[in-house]
N, C-alpha and C. Protein backbone atom coordinates (compact mmCIF):
# COMPACT_ATOMS: atom_id res chain seq x y z
N GLN A 1 91.16 -336.95 116.53
CA GLN A 1 91.09 -335.52 115.80
C GLN A 1 92.01 -335.54 114.68
N ARG A 2 91.65 -334.90 113.38
CA ARG A 2 92.44 -334.96 112.31
C ARG A 2 93.22 -333.57 112.32
N SER A 3 94.40 -333.58 111.75
CA SER A 3 94.93 -332.27 111.58
C SER A 3 95.43 -332.17 110.00
N MET A 4 95.49 -330.83 109.67
CA MET A 4 95.79 -330.68 108.20
C MET A 4 97.26 -330.95 107.93
N PRO A 5 97.55 -331.36 106.74
CA PRO A 5 98.94 -331.47 106.33
C PRO A 5 99.58 -330.32 106.27
N LEU A 6 100.90 -330.42 106.43
CA LEU A 6 101.85 -329.19 106.61
C LEU A 6 101.65 -328.19 105.46
N GLY A 7 101.59 -328.85 104.13
CA GLY A 7 101.53 -328.13 102.90
C GLY A 7 100.27 -327.34 102.90
N TYR A 8 99.13 -327.93 103.41
CA TYR A 8 97.77 -327.06 103.39
C TYR A 8 97.81 -325.84 104.55
N VAL A 9 98.63 -326.18 105.51
CA VAL A 9 98.67 -325.07 106.51
C VAL A 9 99.49 -323.95 105.99
N VAL A 10 100.61 -324.20 105.33
CA VAL A 10 101.45 -323.15 104.68
C VAL A 10 100.75 -322.51 103.78
N ALA A 11 99.90 -323.25 102.85
CA ALA A 11 99.15 -322.58 101.79
C ALA A 11 98.04 -321.72 102.26
N PHE A 12 97.50 -321.97 103.42
CA PHE A 12 96.25 -321.23 103.95
C PHE A 12 96.76 -320.00 104.76
N THR A 13 97.92 -320.07 105.12
CA THR A 13 98.40 -318.98 106.15
C THR A 13 99.21 -317.78 105.26
N LYS A 14 99.35 -318.14 104.02
CA LYS A 14 100.13 -317.13 103.18
C LYS A 14 99.14 -315.83 103.17
N LYS A 15 99.87 -314.77 102.84
CA LYS A 15 99.10 -313.33 102.82
C LYS A 15 98.50 -313.33 101.56
N ASP A 16 98.97 -313.97 100.32
CA ASP A 16 98.23 -313.89 99.21
C ASP A 16 97.75 -315.34 98.88
N PRO A 17 96.49 -315.46 99.05
CA PRO A 17 95.76 -316.80 98.81
C PRO A 17 95.74 -317.13 97.26
N LEU A 18 96.00 -316.42 96.42
CA LEU A 18 95.83 -316.76 94.95
C LEU A 18 97.10 -317.28 94.42
N HIS A 19 98.07 -317.60 95.31
CA HIS A 19 99.38 -318.25 94.91
C HIS A 19 99.55 -319.69 95.62
N LEU A 20 99.84 -320.58 95.00
CA LEU A 20 100.37 -321.80 95.80
C LEU A 20 101.61 -321.71 96.30
N PRO A 21 102.03 -322.51 97.31
CA PRO A 21 103.22 -322.38 98.05
C PRO A 21 104.53 -322.79 97.27
N TRP A 22 104.14 -323.31 95.96
CA TRP A 22 105.43 -323.83 95.21
C TRP A 22 105.05 -323.30 93.88
N ILE A 23 106.08 -322.78 93.18
CA ILE A 23 106.13 -322.14 91.91
C ILE A 23 105.76 -323.12 90.89
N GLU A 24 106.31 -324.30 90.70
CA GLU A 24 106.22 -325.18 89.75
C GLU A 24 104.66 -325.57 89.56
N GLY A 25 104.12 -325.90 90.76
CA GLY A 25 102.69 -326.34 90.87
C GLY A 25 101.91 -325.23 90.40
N GLU A 26 102.15 -323.95 90.83
CA GLU A 26 101.17 -322.85 90.33
C GLU A 26 101.27 -322.79 88.88
N VAL A 27 102.50 -322.73 88.26
CA VAL A 27 102.58 -322.61 86.92
C VAL A 27 101.96 -323.77 86.10
N ALA A 28 102.15 -325.09 86.44
CA ALA A 28 101.44 -326.00 85.97
C ALA A 28 99.93 -325.95 85.98
N HIS A 29 99.42 -325.51 87.29
CA HIS A 29 98.03 -325.33 87.38
C HIS A 29 97.37 -324.38 86.56
N ARG A 30 98.14 -323.23 86.40
CA ARG A 30 97.65 -322.16 85.51
C ARG A 30 97.48 -322.65 84.00
N LEU A 31 98.51 -323.29 83.59
CA LEU A 31 98.55 -323.63 82.23
C LEU A 31 97.59 -324.65 81.92
N LEU A 32 97.33 -325.60 82.88
CA LEU A 32 96.34 -326.53 82.77
C LEU A 32 94.88 -325.91 82.63
N TRP A 33 94.71 -325.05 83.68
CA TRP A 33 93.44 -324.43 83.66
C TRP A 33 93.25 -323.53 82.34
N ALA A 34 94.32 -322.88 81.90
CA ALA A 34 94.07 -322.08 80.71
C ALA A 34 93.87 -322.98 79.44
N ASP A 35 94.49 -324.11 79.30
CA ASP A 35 94.34 -324.99 78.23
C ASP A 35 92.89 -325.54 78.32
N ASN A 36 92.37 -325.90 79.36
CA ASN A 36 91.10 -326.43 79.66
C ASN A 36 90.04 -325.20 79.17
N ALA A 37 90.22 -324.09 79.52
CA ALA A 37 89.39 -322.97 79.16
C ALA A 37 89.39 -322.85 77.76
N ASP A 38 90.45 -322.87 76.99
CA ASP A 38 90.56 -322.64 75.64
C ASP A 38 89.75 -323.83 74.89
N ALA A 39 90.04 -324.99 75.29
CA ALA A 39 89.28 -326.11 74.76
C ALA A 39 87.76 -326.00 74.96
N ILE A 40 87.16 -325.70 75.95
CA ILE A 40 85.88 -325.39 76.26
C ILE A 40 85.27 -324.24 75.46
N SER A 41 86.00 -323.18 75.43
CA SER A 41 85.61 -321.95 74.66
C SER A 41 85.56 -322.30 73.25
N ASN A 42 86.63 -322.99 72.74
CA ASN A 42 86.70 -323.34 71.24
C ASN A 42 85.38 -324.21 70.95
N LEU A 43 85.02 -325.19 71.73
CA LEU A 43 83.81 -325.98 71.54
C LEU A 43 82.50 -324.92 71.54
N TYR A 44 82.41 -324.21 72.34
CA TYR A 44 81.24 -323.43 72.77
C TYR A 44 81.08 -322.27 71.86
N ALA A 45 82.22 -321.48 71.67
CA ALA A 45 82.26 -320.13 71.05
C ALA A 45 82.91 -320.03 69.71
N GLY A 46 83.64 -321.11 69.57
CA GLY A 46 84.66 -321.04 68.24
C GLY A 46 85.87 -320.29 68.37
N THR A 47 86.22 -319.62 69.72
CA THR A 47 87.40 -318.89 69.67
C THR A 47 88.14 -319.31 71.12
N ASN A 48 89.33 -318.98 71.35
CA ASN A 48 89.98 -319.14 72.41
C ASN A 48 89.17 -318.35 73.55
N ALA A 49 89.56 -318.77 74.77
CA ALA A 49 88.93 -318.04 76.01
C ALA A 49 89.35 -316.63 75.95
N LEU A 50 88.54 -315.75 76.69
CA LEU A 50 88.83 -314.46 76.81
C LEU A 50 89.75 -314.25 78.10
N LYS A 51 90.53 -313.20 78.21
CA LYS A 51 91.57 -312.88 79.42
C LYS A 51 92.46 -314.04 79.60
N ARG A 52 92.85 -314.78 78.45
CA ARG A 52 93.70 -316.02 78.72
C ARG A 52 95.18 -315.55 79.14
N ASP A 53 95.53 -314.21 78.80
CA ASP A 53 96.87 -313.70 79.30
C ASP A 53 96.85 -313.66 80.79
N TYR A 54 95.72 -313.20 81.40
CA TYR A 54 95.62 -313.05 82.74
C TYR A 54 95.83 -314.56 83.50
N THR A 55 95.04 -315.44 82.91
CA THR A 55 95.02 -316.75 83.56
C THR A 55 96.39 -317.43 83.40
N ARG A 56 97.11 -317.22 82.34
CA ARG A 56 98.50 -317.83 82.21
C ARG A 56 99.47 -317.20 82.85
N THR A 57 99.43 -315.92 83.07
CA THR A 57 100.64 -315.07 83.70
C THR A 57 100.35 -314.49 84.95
N GLY A 58 99.02 -314.19 85.16
CA GLY A 58 98.66 -313.46 86.36
C GLY A 58 98.74 -312.09 86.16
N GLN A 59 98.92 -311.53 84.88
CA GLN A 59 99.02 -309.97 84.70
C GLN A 59 98.07 -309.71 83.35
N ARG A 60 97.56 -308.71 83.28
CA ARG A 60 96.75 -308.25 82.12
C ARG A 60 97.75 -307.35 81.32
N THR A 61 97.72 -307.74 80.07
CA THR A 61 98.63 -307.02 79.03
C THR A 61 97.93 -306.32 77.89
N LYS A 62 98.55 -305.40 77.17
CA LYS A 62 97.87 -304.79 76.03
C LYS A 62 97.75 -305.75 74.97
N LYS A 63 98.63 -306.69 74.80
CA LYS A 63 98.38 -307.62 73.67
C LYS A 63 97.22 -308.59 74.06
N GLY A 64 96.95 -308.79 75.34
CA GLY A 64 95.79 -309.61 75.79
C GLY A 64 94.53 -309.01 75.46
N ALA A 65 94.52 -307.69 75.62
CA ALA A 65 93.36 -306.90 75.41
C ALA A 65 93.08 -306.81 73.91
N VAL A 66 94.01 -306.66 73.13
CA VAL A 66 93.81 -306.82 71.61
C VAL A 66 93.33 -308.06 71.19
N ASP A 67 94.03 -309.25 71.82
CA ASP A 67 93.50 -310.47 71.45
C ASP A 67 92.09 -310.77 71.96
N ASP A 68 91.65 -310.24 73.13
CA ASP A 68 90.23 -310.28 73.43
C ASP A 68 89.27 -309.55 72.61
N GLY A 69 89.74 -308.45 72.11
CA GLY A 69 89.00 -307.79 71.20
C GLY A 69 88.75 -308.51 69.92
N VAL A 70 89.82 -309.06 69.39
CA VAL A 70 89.71 -309.82 68.16
C VAL A 70 88.84 -311.12 68.23
N ASN A 71 88.99 -311.77 69.47
CA ASN A 71 88.20 -312.97 69.68
C ASN A 71 86.67 -312.53 69.85
N SER A 72 86.33 -311.41 70.47
CA SER A 72 85.06 -310.93 70.67
C SER A 72 84.35 -310.59 69.22
N LEU A 73 85.08 -310.04 68.43
CA LEU A 73 84.71 -309.55 67.14
C LEU A 73 84.48 -310.82 66.20
N THR A 74 85.32 -311.93 66.35
CA THR A 74 85.26 -313.15 65.75
C THR A 74 83.90 -313.86 66.18
N ARG A 75 83.78 -313.85 67.49
CA ARG A 75 82.56 -314.46 68.09
C ARG A 75 81.33 -313.89 67.47
N HIS A 76 81.34 -312.46 67.34
CA HIS A 76 80.17 -311.88 66.91
C HIS A 76 79.82 -312.05 65.52
N TYR A 77 80.92 -312.19 64.77
CA TYR A 77 80.72 -312.53 63.35
C TYR A 77 80.33 -314.06 63.10
N VAL A 78 80.97 -314.93 63.75
CA VAL A 78 80.57 -316.26 63.64
C VAL A 78 79.19 -316.71 64.13
N ASN A 79 78.64 -315.88 65.15
CA ASN A 79 77.35 -316.21 65.72
C ASN A 79 76.11 -315.48 65.02
N ASN A 80 76.50 -314.44 64.19
CA ASN A 80 75.47 -313.62 63.58
C ASN A 80 75.57 -313.47 61.97
N PHE A 81 76.50 -314.19 61.49
CA PHE A 81 76.45 -314.13 60.04
C PHE A 81 76.67 -315.60 59.23
């Protein structure tokens, strides 16, 4: 019978499942995920990904909302004119 490694057991028993049990790994994963989202979004839509502030920091900010508005307007302009 197999048992789960201790790191997995700790990760799955935490009260907040959206956080990894080690800070450096979580930050690296968030940044990698956000960079990948930006690259795909630039290829597909011509702008960075939306809600990238939330992906990078875990919090929604006013600056992020303004950036999303600018990105949405840019996408609209690029795709329609």
